[in-house]
Structures are given as structure tokens and as C-alpha cells.
Amino acid sequence: MPPEQEEAVKEFVRLVKARNESASEKVLEWIIQFVEENKPVNPQTRLDVILDRGAPAKEPPTCSFCLKPATYIGYLKDGLFSVARAVYLCDVHRNVQRAQSPYYGERKL
């Protein structure tokens, strides 16, 4: 055990004895509290845990052609009867795709 952990344990035992409590009972109390707080009631993560962690930041979408920040999702048709595929577009490539390809539509991000 590293020296700083040994010191922390010694200090813990000293403080517990000063309060006329048992160190093992205090540790057991913390274990029970931890289990109660983290007991899975359902498979979903609890909201307070999510808020404590902070939501992971999503990276903004980038243009499918130049990797600059995208401002639109464009829908391009690959062929006459095919389903349109979605691509992220910056302002420059939005205008290029509208002029050059079988453009189906778009939506602003």
C-alpha cells in the first residue's frame, strides 16, 4: 500500500475512534449506502448519474466532401429509381451539388 494510503487509513481509524465508532461498522455502512444508491432497479441509467457525469458532447457534422462544418443535409439520387441518400453539405458543396447532381432535396441543420 502506498504511504499516502497508509496515512489516510491511520487518520480514518483515529477519527472514527475519536467519535466512539467502529471502523469496520463505518466501512460496512458506506458499502450498504453505495449498494442502495447504485442498485439497478431497471436497465436504464439513473438521471442523477447521467447529470453527474455530464452528457458526452456530440461533434457537429462535417461536410461529406470537404470536412468543413455542415449546414445542410442534402438528398441525392443515385439513379432514376433508387432511394435518395443523405449527405452532409457545407454551403459551398450545397450549391455545387444542386447544380451538378440529381438533387432530390435538402434540409437545414
PDB file of N, CA and C in Angstrom:
ATOM      1  N   MET A   1       0.854  -1.170   0.000  1.00  0.00           N
ATOM      2  CA  MET A   1       0.000   0.000   0.000  1.00  0.00           C
ATOM      3  C   MET A   1       0.905   1.240   0.000  1.00  0.00           C
ATOM      4  N   PRO A   2       0.619   2.217  -0.871  1.00  0.00           N
ATOM      5  CA  PRO A   2       1.430   3.443  -0.906  1.00  0.00           C
ATOM      6  C   PRO A   2       1.349   4.200   0.428  1.00  0.00           C
ATOM      7  N   PRO A   3       2.383   4.945   0.760  1.00  0.00           N
ATOM      8  CA  PRO A   3       2.437   5.646   2.054  1.00  0.00           C
ATOM      9  C   PRO A   3       1.264   6.607   2.269  1.00  0.00           C
ATOM     10  N   GLU A   4       0.822   7.288   1.220  1.00  0.00           N
ATOM     11  CA  GLU A   4      -0.284   8.233   1.404  1.00  0.00           C
ATOM     12  C   GLU A   4      -1.593   7.511   1.734  1.00  0.00           C
ATOM     13  N   GLN A   5      -1.772   6.284   1.188  1.00  0.00           N
ATOM     14  CA  GLN A   5      -2.956   5.495   1.533  1.00  0.00           C
ATOM     15  C   GLN A   5      -2.869   4.996   2.976  1.00  0.00           C
ATOM     16  N   GLU A   6      -1.675   4.583   3.391  1.00  0.00           N
ATOM     17  CA  GLU A   6      -1.486   4.148   4.785  1.00  0.00           C
ATOM     18  C   GLU A   6      -1.801   5.280   5.752  1.00  0.00           C
ATOM     19  N   GLU A   7      -1.346   6.474   5.407  1.00  0.00           N
ATOM     20  CA  GLU A   7      -1.618   7.637   6.256  1.00  0.00           C
ATOM     21  C   GLU A   7      -3.111   7.922   6.319  1.00  0.00           C
ATOM     22  N   ALA A   8      -3.797   7.795   5.183  1.00  0.00           N
ATOM     23  CA  ALA A   8      -5.238   8.045   5.146  1.00  0.00           C
ATOM     24  C   ALA A   8      -5.987   7.031   6.008  1.00  0.00           C
ATOM     25  N   VAL A   9      -5.577   5.750   5.954  1.00  0.00           N
ATOM     26  CA  VAL A   9      -6.212   4.717   6.770  1.00  0.00           C
ATOM     27  C   VAL A   9      -5.983   4.992   8.255  1.00  0.00           C
ATOM     28  N   LYS A  10      -4.743   5.355   8.621  1.00  0.00           N
ATOM     29  CA  LYS A  10      -4.437   5.662  10.023  1.00  0.00           C
ATOM     30  C   LYS A  10      -5.272   6.844  10.509  1.00  0.00           C
ATOM     31  N   GLU A  11      -5.393   7.869   9.673  1.00  0.00           N
ATOM     32  CA  GLU A  11      -6.182   9.048  10.039  1.00  0.00           C
ATOM     33  C   GLU A  11      -7.661   8.694  10.170  1.00  0.00           C
ATOM     34  N   PHE A  12      -8.152   7.835   9.260  1.00  0.00           N
ATOM     35  CA  PHE A  12      -9.542   7.367   9.333  1.00  0.00           C
ATOM     36  C   PHE A  12      -9.805   6.653  10.656  1.00  0.00           C
ATOM     37  N   VAL A  13      -8.928   5.726  11.023  1.00  0.00           N
ATOM     38  CA  VAL A  13      -9.095   4.965  12.270  1.00  0.00           C
ATOM     39  C   VAL A  13      -9.044   5.917  13.468  1.00  0.00           C
ATOM     40  N   ARG A  14      -8.133   6.885  13.436  1.00  0.00           N
ATOM     41  CA  ARG A  14      -8.035   7.841  14.537  1.00  0.00           C
ATOM     42  C   ARG A  14      -9.316   8.656  14.683  1.00  0.00           C
ATOM     43  N   LEU A  15      -9.859   9.133  13.548  1.00  0.00           N
ATOM     44  CA  LEU A  15     -11.080   9.940  13.587  1.00  0.00           C
ATOM     45  C   LEU A  15     -12.293   9.133  14.037  1.00  0.00           C
ATOM     46  N   VAL A  16     -12.377   7.890  13.593  1.00  0.00           N
ATOM     47  CA  VAL A  16     -13.505   7.037  13.971  1.00  0.00           C
ATOM     48  C   VAL A  16     -13.454   6.746  15.473  1.00  0.00           C
ATOM     49  N   LYS A  17     -12.269   6.443  15.986  1.00  0.00           N
ATOM     50  CA  LYS A  17     -12.129   6.173  17.423  1.00  0.00           C
ATOM     51  C   LYS A  17     -12.484   7.408  18.242  1.00  0.00           C
ATOM     52  N   ALA A  18     -12.134   8.589  17.733  1.00  0.00           N
ATOM     53  CA  ALA A  18     -12.451   9.831  18.440  1.00  0.00           C
ATOM     54  C   ALA A  18     -13.955  10.041  18.544  1.00  0.00           C
ATOM     55  N   ARG A  19     -14.715   9.469  17.616  1.00  0.00           N
ATOM     56  CA  ARG A  19     -16.173   9.594  17.637  1.00  0.00           C
ATOM     57  C   ARG A  19     -16.835   8.395  18.322  1.00  0.00           C
ATOM     58  N   ASN A  20     -16.041   7.530  18.921  1.00  0.00           N
ATOM     59  CA  ASN A  20     -16.547   6.317  19.583  1.00  0.00           C
ATOM     60  C   ASN A  20     -17.345   5.423  18.628  1.00  0.00           C
ATOM     61  N   GLU A  21     -16.828   5.270  17.420  1.00  0.00           N
ATOM     62  CA  GLU A  21     -17.453   4.390  16.431  1.00  0.00           C
ATOM     63  C   GLU A  21     -16.449   3.313  16.031  1.00  0.00           C
ATOM     64  N   SER A  22     -16.969   2.273  15.403  1.00  0.00           N
ATOM     65  CA  SER A  22     -16.123   1.186  14.930  1.00  0.00           C
ATOM     66  C   SER A  22     -15.757   1.443  13.465  1.00  0.00           C
ATOM     67  N   ALA A  23     -14.491   1.292  13.133  1.00  0.00           N
ATOM     68  CA  ALA A  23     -14.039   1.498  11.755  1.00  0.00           C
ATOM     69  C   ALA A  23     -14.700   0.494  10.820  1.00  0.00           C
ATOM     70  N   SER A  24     -14.798  -0.763  11.232  1.00  0.00           N
ATOM     71  CA  SER A  24     -15.399  -1.774  10.358  1.00  0.00           C
ATOM     72  C   SER A  24     -16.889  -1.510  10.163  1.00  0.00           C
ATOM     73  N   GLU A  25     -17.582  -1.042  11.204  1.00  0.00           N
ATOM     74  CA  GLU A  25     -19.011  -0.724  11.055  1.00  0.00           C
ATOM     75  C   GLU A  25     -19.201   0.476  10.128  1.00  0.00           C
ATOM     76  N   LYS A  26     -18.303   1.442  10.219  1.00  0.00           N
ATOM     77  CA  LYS A  26     -18.384   2.618   9.347  1.00  0.00           C
ATOM     78  C   LYS A  26     -18.189   2.220   7.888  1.00  0.00           C
ATOM     79  N   VAL A  27     -17.212   1.361   7.623  1.00  0.00           N
ATOM     80  CA  VAL A  27     -16.963   0.888   6.256  1.00  0.00           C
ATOM     81  C   VAL A  27     -18.165   0.098   5.753  1.00  0.00           C
ATOM     82  N   LEU A  28     -18.723  -0.770   6.593  1.00  0.00           N
ATOM     83  CA  LEU A  28     -19.897  -1.547   6.216  1.00  0.00           C
ATOM     84  C   LEU A  28     -21.082  -0.629   5.923  1.00  0.00           C
ATOM     85  N   GLU A  29     -21.228   0.416   6.704  1.00  0.00           N
ATOM     86  CA  GLU A  29     -22.296   1.396   6.486  1.00  0.00           C
ATOM     87  C   GLU A  29     -22.145   2.041   5.105  1.00  0.00           C
ATOM     88  N   TRP A  30     -20.904   2.409   4.734  1.00  0.00           N
ATOM     89  CA  TRP A  30     -20.650   3.015   3.429  1.00  0.00           C
ATOM     90  C   TRP A  30     -20.929   2.029   2.293  1.00  0.00           C
ATOM     91  N   ILE A  31     -20.576   0.779   2.511  1.00  0.00           N
ATOM     92  CA  ILE A  31     -20.830  -0.238   1.480  1.00  0.00           C
ATOM     93  C   ILE A  31     -22.325  -0.388   1.254  1.00  0.00           C
ATOM     94  N   ILE A  32     -23.086  -0.479   2.335  1.00  0.00           N
ATOM     95  CA  ILE A  32     -24.548  -0.626   2.217  1.00  0.00           C
ATOM     96  C   ILE A  32     -25.140   0.594   1.516  1.00  0.00           C
ATOM     97  N   GLN A  33     -24.689   1.785   1.887  1.00  0.00           N
ATOM     98  CA  GLN A  33     -25.182   3.007   1.257  1.00  0.00           C
ATOM     99  C   GLN A  33     -24.859   3.013  -0.242  1.00  0.00           C
ATOM    100  N   PHE A  34     -23.643   2.628  -0.592  1.00  0.00           N
ATOM    101  CA  PHE A  34     -23.234   2.588  -2.002  1.00  0.00           C
ATOM    102  C   PHE A  34     -24.096   1.615  -2.798  1.00  0.00           C
ATOM    103  N   VAL A  35     -24.324   0.429  -2.221  1.00  0.00           N
ATOM    104  CA  VAL A  35     -25.138  -0.584  -2.904  1.00  0.00           C
ATOM    105  C   VAL A  35     -26.561  -0.075  -3.101  1.00  0.00           C
ATOM    106  N   GLU A  36     -27.137   0.553  -2.086  1.00  0.00           N
ATOM    107  CA  GLU A  36     -28.504   1.077  -2.189  1.00  0.00           C
ATOM    108  C   GLU A  36     -28.598   2.164  -3.255  1.00  0.00           C
ATOM    109  N   GLU A  37     -27.608   3.029  -3.315  1.00  0.00           N
ATOM    110  CA  GLU A  37     -27.633   4.120  -4.291  1.00  0.00           C
ATOM    111  C   GLU A  37     -27.421   3.630  -5.720  1.00  0.00           C
ATOM    112  N   ASN A  38     -26.731   2.514  -5.880  1.00  0.00           N
ATOM    113  CA  ASN A  38     -26.386   2.042  -7.221  1.00  0.00           C
ATOM    114  C   ASN A  38     -27.084   0.756  -7.612  1.00  0.00           C
ATOM    115  N   LYS A  39     -28.037   0.329  -6.817  1.00  0.00           N
ATOM    116  CA  LYS A  39     -28.759  -0.898  -7.115  1.00  0.00           C
ATOM    117  C   LYS A  39     -29.554  -0.711  -8.410  1.00  0.00           C
ATOM    118  N   PRO A  40     -29.357  -1.597  -9.368  1.00  0.00           N
ATOM    119  CA  PRO A  40     -30.090  -1.441 -10.629  1.00  0.00           C
ATOM    120  C   PRO A  40     -31.560  -1.843 -10.462  1.00  0.00           C
ATOM    121  N   VAL A  41     -32.431  -0.846 -10.487  1.00  0.00           N
ATOM    122  CA  VAL A  41     -33.865  -1.099 -10.423  1.00  0.00           C
ATOM    123  C   VAL A  41     -34.354  -1.514 -11.804  1.00  0.00           C
ATOM    124  N   ASN A  42     -33.803  -0.857 -12.821  1.00  0.00           N
ATOM    125  CA  ASN A  42     -34.092  -1.222 -14.207  1.00  0.00           C
ATOM    126  C   ASN A  42     -32.810  -1.030 -15.010  1.00  0.00           C
ATOM    127  N   PRO A  43     -32.757  -1.475 -16.244  1.00  0.00           N
ATOM    128  CA  PRO A  43     -31.505  -1.409 -17.003  1.00  0.00           C
ATOM    129  C   PRO A  43     -31.109  -0.006 -17.440  1.00  0.00           C
ATOM    130  N   GLN A  44     -31.961   0.977 -17.259  1.00  0.00           N
ATOM    131  CA  GLN A  44     -31.627   2.328 -17.681  1.00  0.00           C
ATOM    132  C   GLN A  44     -30.754   3.011 -16.632  1.00  0.00           C
ATOM    133  N   THR A  45     -29.886   3.883 -17.091  1.00  0.00           N
ATOM    134  CA  THR A  45     -29.046   4.643 -16.173  1.00  0.00           C
ATOM    135  C   THR A  45     -29.899   5.715 -15.509  1.00  0.00           C
ATOM    136  N   ARG A  46     -29.695   5.885 -14.205  1.00  0.00           N
ATOM    137  CA  ARG A  46     -30.476   6.872 -13.473  1.00  0.00           C
ATOM    138  C   ARG A  46     -30.114   8.276 -13.929  1.00  0.00           C
ATOM    139  N   LEU A  47     -31.104   9.172 -13.917  1.00  0.00           N
ATOM    140  CA  LEU A  47     -30.903  10.533 -14.399  1.00  0.00           C
ATOM    141  C   LEU A  47     -29.875  11.281 -13.564  1.00  0.00           C
ATOM    142  N   ASP A  48     -29.873  11.102 -12.246  1.00  0.00           N
ATOM    143  CA  ASP A  48     -28.893  11.812 -11.426  1.00  0.00           C
ATOM    144  C   ASP A  48     -27.468  11.377 -11.750  1.00  0.00           C
ATOM    145  N   VAL A  49     -27.288  10.116 -12.124  1.00  0.00           N
ATOM    146  CA  VAL A  49     -25.958   9.629 -12.513  1.00  0.00           C
ATOM    147  C   VAL A  49     -25.544  10.261 -13.838  1.00  0.00           C
ATOM    148  N   ILE A  50     -26.473  10.344 -14.775  1.00  0.00           N
ATOM    149  CA  ILE A  50     -26.182  10.955 -16.076  1.00  0.00           C
ATOM    150  C   ILE A  50     -25.822  12.423 -15.898  1.00  0.00           C
ATOM    151  N   LEU A  51     -26.586  13.126 -15.055  1.00  0.00           N
ATOM    152  CA  LEU A  51     -26.316  14.549 -14.843  1.00  0.00           C
ATOM    153  C   LEU A  51     -24.994  14.771 -14.140  1.00  0.00           C
ATOM    154  N   ASP A  52     -24.641  13.867 -13.213  1.00  0.00           N
ATOM    155  CA  ASP A  52     -23.345  13.982 -12.543  1.00  0.00           C
ATOM    156  C   ASP A  52     -22.196  13.786 -13.513  1.00  0.00           C
ATOM    157  N   ARG A  53     -22.352  12.832 -14.429  1.00  0.00           N
ATOM    158  CA  ARG A  53     -21.300  12.545 -15.408  1.00  0.00           C
ATOM    159  C   ARG A  53     -21.206  13.627 -16.458  1.00  0.00           C
ATOM    160  N   GLY A  54     -22.325  14.210 -16.812  1.00  0.00           N
ATOM    161  CA  GLY A  54     -22.365  15.162 -17.916  1.00  0.00           C
ATOM    162  C   GLY A  54     -22.526  14.401 -19.210  1.00  0.00           C
ATOM    163  N   ALA A  55     -23.355  14.896 -20.067  1.00  0.00           N
ATOM    164  CA  ALA A  55     -23.609  14.226 -21.335  1.00  0.00           C
ATOM    165  C   ALA A  55     -22.395  14.372 -22.246  1.00  0.00           C
ATOM    166  N   PRO A  56     -22.050  13.322 -22.973  1.00  0.00           N
ATOM    167  CA  PRO A  56     -20.940  13.450 -23.901  1.00  0.00           C
ATOM    168  C   PRO A  56     -21.288  14.435 -25.013  1.00  0.00           C
ATOM    169  N   ALA A  57     -20.359  15.281 -25.325  1.00  0.00           N
ATOM    170  CA  ALA A  57     -20.601  16.276 -26.362  1.00  0.00           C
ATOM    171  C   ALA A  57     -20.567  15.603 -27.726  1.00  0.00           C
ATOM    172  N   LYS A  58     -21.558  15.900 -28.529  1.00  0.00           N
ATOM    173  CA  LYS A  58     -21.588  15.370 -29.886  1.00  0.00           C
ATOM    174  C   LYS A  58     -20.815  16.317 -30.788  1.00  0.00           C
ATOM    175  N   GLU A  59     -20.004  15.740 -31.640  1.00  0.00           N
ATOM    176  CA  GLU A  59     -19.282  16.566 -32.594  1.00  0.00           C
ATOM    177  C   GLU A  59     -20.250  17.010 -33.678  1.00  0.00           C
ATOM    178  N   PRO A  60     -20.150  18.272 -34.107  1.00  0.00           N
ATOM    179  CA  PRO A  60     -21.048  18.723 -35.172  1.00  0.00           C
ATOM    180  C   PRO A  60     -20.727  17.981 -36.467  1.00  0.00           C
ATOM    181  N   PRO A  61     -21.738  17.738 -37.287  1.00  0.00           N
ATOM    182  CA  PRO A  61     -21.490  17.015 -38.539  1.00  0.00           C
ATOM    183  C   PRO A  61     -20.615  17.833 -39.475  1.00  0.00           C
ATOM    184  N   THR A  62     -19.849  17.120 -40.275  1.00  0.00           N
ATOM    185  CA  THR A  62     -18.975  17.782 -41.244  1.00  0.00           C
ATOM    186  C   THR A  62     -19.414  17.427 -42.651  1.00  0.00           C
ATOM    187  N   CYS A  63     -19.050  18.293 -43.583  1.00  0.00           N
ATOM    188  CA  CYS A  63     -19.397  18.107 -44.994  1.00  0.00           C
ATOM    189  C   CYS A  63     -18.834  16.771 -45.482  1.00  0.00           C
ATOM    190  N   SER A  64     -19.629  16.035 -46.223  1.00  0.00           N
ATOM    191  CA  SER A  64     -19.207  14.729 -46.739  1.00  0.00           C
ATOM    192  C   SER A  64     -18.120  14.851 -47.796  1.00  0.00           C
ATOM    193  N   PHE A  65     -17.902  16.059 -48.310  1.00  0.00           N
ATOM    194  CA  PHE A  65     -16.934  16.235 -49.386  1.00  0.00           C
ATOM    195  C   PHE A  65     -15.643  16.922 -48.943  1.00  0.00           C
ATOM    196  N   CYS A  66     -15.742  17.902 -48.007  1.00  0.00           N
ATOM    197  CA  CYS A  66     -14.540  18.660 -47.650  1.00  0.00           C
ATOM    198  C   CYS A  66     -14.240  18.683 -46.151  1.00  0.00           C
ATOM    199  N   LEU A  67     -15.085  18.108 -45.341  1.00  0.00           N
ATOM    200  CA  LEU A  67     -14.927  18.016 -43.887  1.00  0.00           C
ATOM    201  C   LEU A  67     -15.013  19.358 -43.160  1.00  0.00           C
ATOM    202  N   LYS A  68     -15.535  20.393 -43.838  1.00  0.00           N
ATOM    203  CA  LYS A  68     -15.842  21.645 -43.144  1.00  0.00           C
ATOM    204  C   LYS A  68     -17.166  21.449 -42.399  1.00  0.00           C
ATOM    205  N   PRO A  69     -17.504  22.336 -41.446  1.00  0.00           N
ATOM    206  CA  PRO A  69     -18.779  22.184 -40.747  1.00  0.00           C
ATOM    207  C   PRO A  69     -19.955  22.181 -41.721  1.00  0.00           C
ATOM    208  N   ALA A  70     -20.846  21.223 -41.562  1.00  0.00           N
ATOM    209  CA  ALA A  70     -22.003  21.092 -42.445  1.00  0.00           C
ATOM    210  C   ALA A  70     -23.128  22.011 -41.982  1.00  0.00           C
ATOM    211  N   THR A  71     -23.859  22.546 -42.937  1.00  0.00           N
ATOM    212  CA  THR A  71     -25.011  23.394 -42.626  1.00  0.00           C
ATOM    213  C   THR A  71     -26.314  22.795 -43.154  1.00  0.00           C
ATOM    214  N   TYR A  72     -26.211  21.804 -44.039  1.00  0.00           N
ATOM    215  CA  TYR A  72     -27.392  21.181 -44.638  1.00  0.00           C
ATOM    216  C   TYR A  72     -27.213  19.670 -44.743  1.00  0.00           C
ATOM    217  N   ILE A  73     -28.315  18.982 -44.824  1.00  0.00           N
ATOM    218  CA  ILE A  73     -28.326  17.589 -45.258  1.00  0.00           C
ATOM    219  C   ILE A  73     -28.965  17.603 -46.625  1.00  0.00           C
ATOM    220  N   GLY A  74     -28.224  17.121 -47.612  1.00  0.00           N
ATOM    221  CA  GLY A  74     -28.748  17.056 -48.963  1.00  0.00           C
ATOM    222  C   GLY A  74     -29.122  15.627 -49.296  1.00  0.00           C
ATOM    223  N   TYR A  75     -30.148  15.468 -50.106  1.00  0.00           N
ATOM    224  CA  TYR A  75     -30.608  14.138 -50.512  1.00  0.00           C
ATOM    225  C   TYR A  75     -30.351  13.991 -51.999  1.00  0.00           C
ATOM    226  N   LEU A  76     -29.452  13.081 -52.347  1.00  0.00           N
ATOM    227  CA  LEU A  76     -29.046  12.875 -53.734  1.00  0.00           C
ATOM    228  C   LEU A  76     -29.569  11.538 -54.222  1.00  0.00           C
ATOM    229  N   LYS A  77     -30.053  11.517 -55.458  1.00  0.00           N
ATOM    230  CA  LYS A  77     -30.493  10.258 -56.055  1.00  0.00           C
ATOM    231  C   LYS A  77     -29.324   9.640 -56.804  1.00  0.00           C
ATOM    232  N   ASP A  78     -29.122   8.338 -56.578  1.00  0.00           N
ATOM    233  CA  ASP A  78     -28.027   7.646 -57.261  1.00  0.00           C
ATOM    234  C   ASP A  78     -28.424   7.218 -58.668  1.00  0.00           C
ATOM    235  N   GLY A  79     -29.658   6.986 -58.891  1.00  0.00           N
ATOM    236  CA  GLY A  79     -30.149   6.559 -60.188  1.00  0.00           C
ATOM    237  C   GLY A  79     -31.594   6.989 -60.342  1.00  0.00           C
ATOM    238  N   LEU A  80     -32.204   6.629 -61.437  1.00  0.00           N
ATOM    239  CA  LEU A  80     -33.561   7.082 -61.715  1.00  0.00           C
ATOM    240  C   LEU A  80     -34.573   6.557 -60.704  1.00  0.00           C
ATOM    241  N   PHE A  81     -34.459   5.285 -60.308  1.00  0.00           N
ATOM    242  CA  PHE A  81     -35.455   4.695 -59.420  1.00  0.00           C
ATOM    243  C   PHE A  81     -34.915   4.372 -58.030  1.00  0.00           C
ATOM    244  N   SER A  82     -33.710   4.814 -57.727  1.00  0.00           N
ATOM    245  CA  SER A  82     -33.124   4.465 -56.435  1.00  0.00           C
ATOM    246  C   SER A  82     -33.593   5.431 -55.346  1.00  0.00           C
ATOM    247  N   VAL A  83     -33.432   4.993 -54.134  1.00  0.00           N
ATOM    248  CA  VAL A  83     -33.772   5.822 -52.983  1.00  0.00           C
ATOM    249  C   VAL A  83     -32.696   6.887 -52.808  1.00  0.00           C
ATOM    250  N   ALA A  84     -33.105   8.077 -52.387  1.00  0.00           N
ATOM    251  CA  ALA A  84     -32.137   9.157 -52.191  1.00  0.00           C
ATOM    252  C   ALA A  84     -31.240   8.834 -51.009  1.00  0.00           C
ATOM    253  N   ARG A  85     -29.967   9.200 -51.126  1.00  0.00           N
ATOM    254  CA  ARG A  85     -29.045   9.016 -49.998  1.00  0.00           C
ATOM    255  C   ARG A  85     -28.763  10.382 -49.390  1.00  0.00           C
ATOM    256  N   ALA A  86     -28.577  10.411 -48.085  1.00  0.00           N
ATOM    257  CA  ALA A  86     -28.343  11.673 -47.378  1.00  0.00           C
ATOM    258  C   ALA A  86     -26.854  11.937 -47.268  1.00  0.00           C
ATOM    259  N   VAL A  87     -26.456  13.160 -47.533  1.00  0.00           N
ATOM    260  CA  VAL A  87     -25.074  13.599 -47.354  1.00  0.00           C
ATOM    261  C   VAL A  87     -25.080  14.927 -46.621  1.00  0.00           C
ATOM    262  N   TYR A  88     -24.067  15.128 -45.785  1.00  0.00           N
ATOM    263  CA  TYR A  88     -23.910  16.422 -45.123  1.00  0.00           C
ATOM    264  C   TYR A  88     -23.202  17.371 -46.076  1.00  0.00           C
ATOM    265  N   LEU A  89     -23.663  18.626 -46.125  1.00  0.00           N
ATOM    266  CA  LEU A  89     -23.108  19.590 -47.064  1.00  0.00           C
ATOM    267  C   LEU A  89     -22.790  20.918 -46.387  1.00  0.00           C
ATOM    268  N   CYS A  90     -21.630  21.492 -46.753  1.00  0.00           N
ATOM    269  CA  CYS A  90     -21.337  22.868 -46.354  1.00  0.00           C
ATOM    270  C   CYS A  90     -22.020  23.766 -47.391  1.00  0.00           C
ATOM    271  N   ASP A  91     -21.971  25.076 -47.198  1.00  0.00           N
ATOM    272  CA  ASP A  91     -22.646  25.986 -48.128  1.00  0.00           C
ATOM    273  C   ASP A  91     -22.087  25.876 -49.550  1.00  0.00           C
ATOM    274  N   VAL A  92     -20.758  25.726 -49.667  1.00  0.00           N
ATOM    275  CA  VAL A  92     -20.127  25.642 -50.987  1.00  0.00           C
ATOM    276  C   VAL A  92     -20.595  24.388 -51.711  1.00  0.00           C
ATOM    277  N   HIS A  93     -20.500  23.235 -51.061  1.00  0.00           N
ATOM    278  CA  HIS A  93     -20.866  21.983 -51.726  1.00  0.00           C
ATOM    279  C   HIS A  93     -22.374  21.837 -51.892  1.00  0.00           C
ATOM    280  N   ARG A  94     -23.142  22.543 -51.106  1.00  0.00           N
ATOM    281  CA  ARG A  94     -24.595  22.554 -51.308  1.00  0.00           C
ATOM    282  C   ARG A  94     -24.903  23.137 -52.681  1.00  0.00           C
ATOM    283  N   ASN A  95     -24.268  24.269 -53.012  1.00  0.00           N
ATOM    284  CA  ASN A  95     -24.507  24.898 -54.308  1.00  0.00           C
ATOM    285  C   ASN A  95     -23.975  24.043 -55.453  1.00  0.00           C
ATOM    286  N   VAL A  96     -22.817  23.408 -55.245  1.00  0.00           N
ATOM    287  CA  VAL A  96     -22.232  22.551 -56.280  1.00  0.00           C
ATOM    288  C   VAL A  96     -23.162  21.368 -56.552  1.00  0.00           C
ATOM    289  N   GLN A  97     -23.630  20.716 -55.495  1.00  0.00           N
ATOM    290  CA  GLN A  97     -24.477  19.541 -55.666  1.00  0.00           C
ATOM    291  C   GLN A  97     -25.825  19.912 -56.277  1.00  0.00           C
ATOM    292  N   ARG A  98     -26.360  21.054 -55.935  1.00  0.00           N
ATOM    293  CA  ARG A  98     -27.638  21.485 -56.508  1.00  0.00           C
ATOM    294  C   ARG A  98     -27.505  21.696 -58.013  1.00  0.00           C
ATOM    295  N   ALA A  99     -26.330  22.162 -58.438  1.00  0.00           N
ATOM    296  CA  ALA A  99     -26.130  22.453 -59.853  1.00  0.00           C
ATOM    297  C   ALA A  99     -25.723  21.223 -60.658  1.00  0.00           C
ATOM    298  N   GLN A 100     -25.025  20.265 -60.054  1.00  0.00           N
ATOM    299  CA  GLN A 100     -24.410  19.197 -60.833  1.00  0.00           C
ATOM    300  C   GLN A 100     -25.034  17.816 -60.694  1.00  0.00           C
ATOM    301  N   SER A 101     -25.746  17.526 -59.646  1.00  0.00           N
ATOM    302  CA  SER A 101     -26.177  16.147 -59.442  1.00  0.00           C
ATOM    303  C   SER A 101     -27.704  16.051 -59.402  1.00  0.00           C
ATOM    304  N   PRO A 102     -28.204  14.834 -59.509  1.00  0.00           N
ATOM    305  CA  PRO A 102     -29.662  14.642 -59.415  1.00  0.00           C
ATOM    306  C   PRO A 102     -30.117  14.901 -57.975  1.00  0.00           C
ATOM    307  N   TYR A 103     -30.341  16.159 -57.706  1.00  0.00           N
ATOM    308  CA  TYR A 103     -30.620  16.621 -56.353  1.00  0.00           C
ATOM    309  C   TYR A 103     -32.089  16.376 -56.013  1.00  0.00           C
ATOM    310  N   TYR A 104     -32.347  15.783 -54.889  1.00  0.00           N
ATOM    311  CA  TYR A 104     -33.706  15.440 -54.506  1.00  0.00           C
ATOM    312  C   TYR A 104     -34.296  16.434 -53.523  1.00  0.00           C
ATOM    313  N   GLY A 105     -33.475  17.028 -52.702  1.00  0.00           N
ATOM    314  CA  GLY A 105     -33.964  17.973 -51.707  1.00  0.00           C
ATOM    315  C   GLY A 105     -32.909  18.199 -50.644  1.00  0.00           C
ATOM    316  N   GLU A 106     -33.286  18.986 -49.658  1.00  0.00           N
ATOM    317  CA  GLU A 106     -32.340  19.318 -48.613  1.00  0.00           C
ATOM    318  C   GLU A 106     -33.112  19.715 -47.351  1.00  0.00           C
ATOM    319  N   ARG A 107     -32.348  19.776 -46.267  1.00  0.00           N
ATOM    320  CA  ARG A 107     -32.912  20.252 -45.006  1.00  0.00           C
ATOM    321  C   ARG A 107     -31.791  20.927 -44.245  1.00  0.00           C
ATOM    322  N   LYS A 108     -32.120  22.086 -43.661  1.00  0.00           N
ATOM    323  CA  LYS A 108     -31.113  22.841 -42.884  1.00  0.00           C
ATOM    324  C   LYS A 108     -30.891  22.163 -41.553  1.00  0.00           C
ATOM    325  N   LEU A 109     -29.634  22.109 -41.124  1.00  0.00           N
ATOM    326  CA  LEU A 109     -29.319  21.520 -39.817  1.00  0.00           C
ATOM    327  C   LEU A 109     -29.645  22.488 -38.715  1.00  0.00           C
TER     328      LEU A 109
END
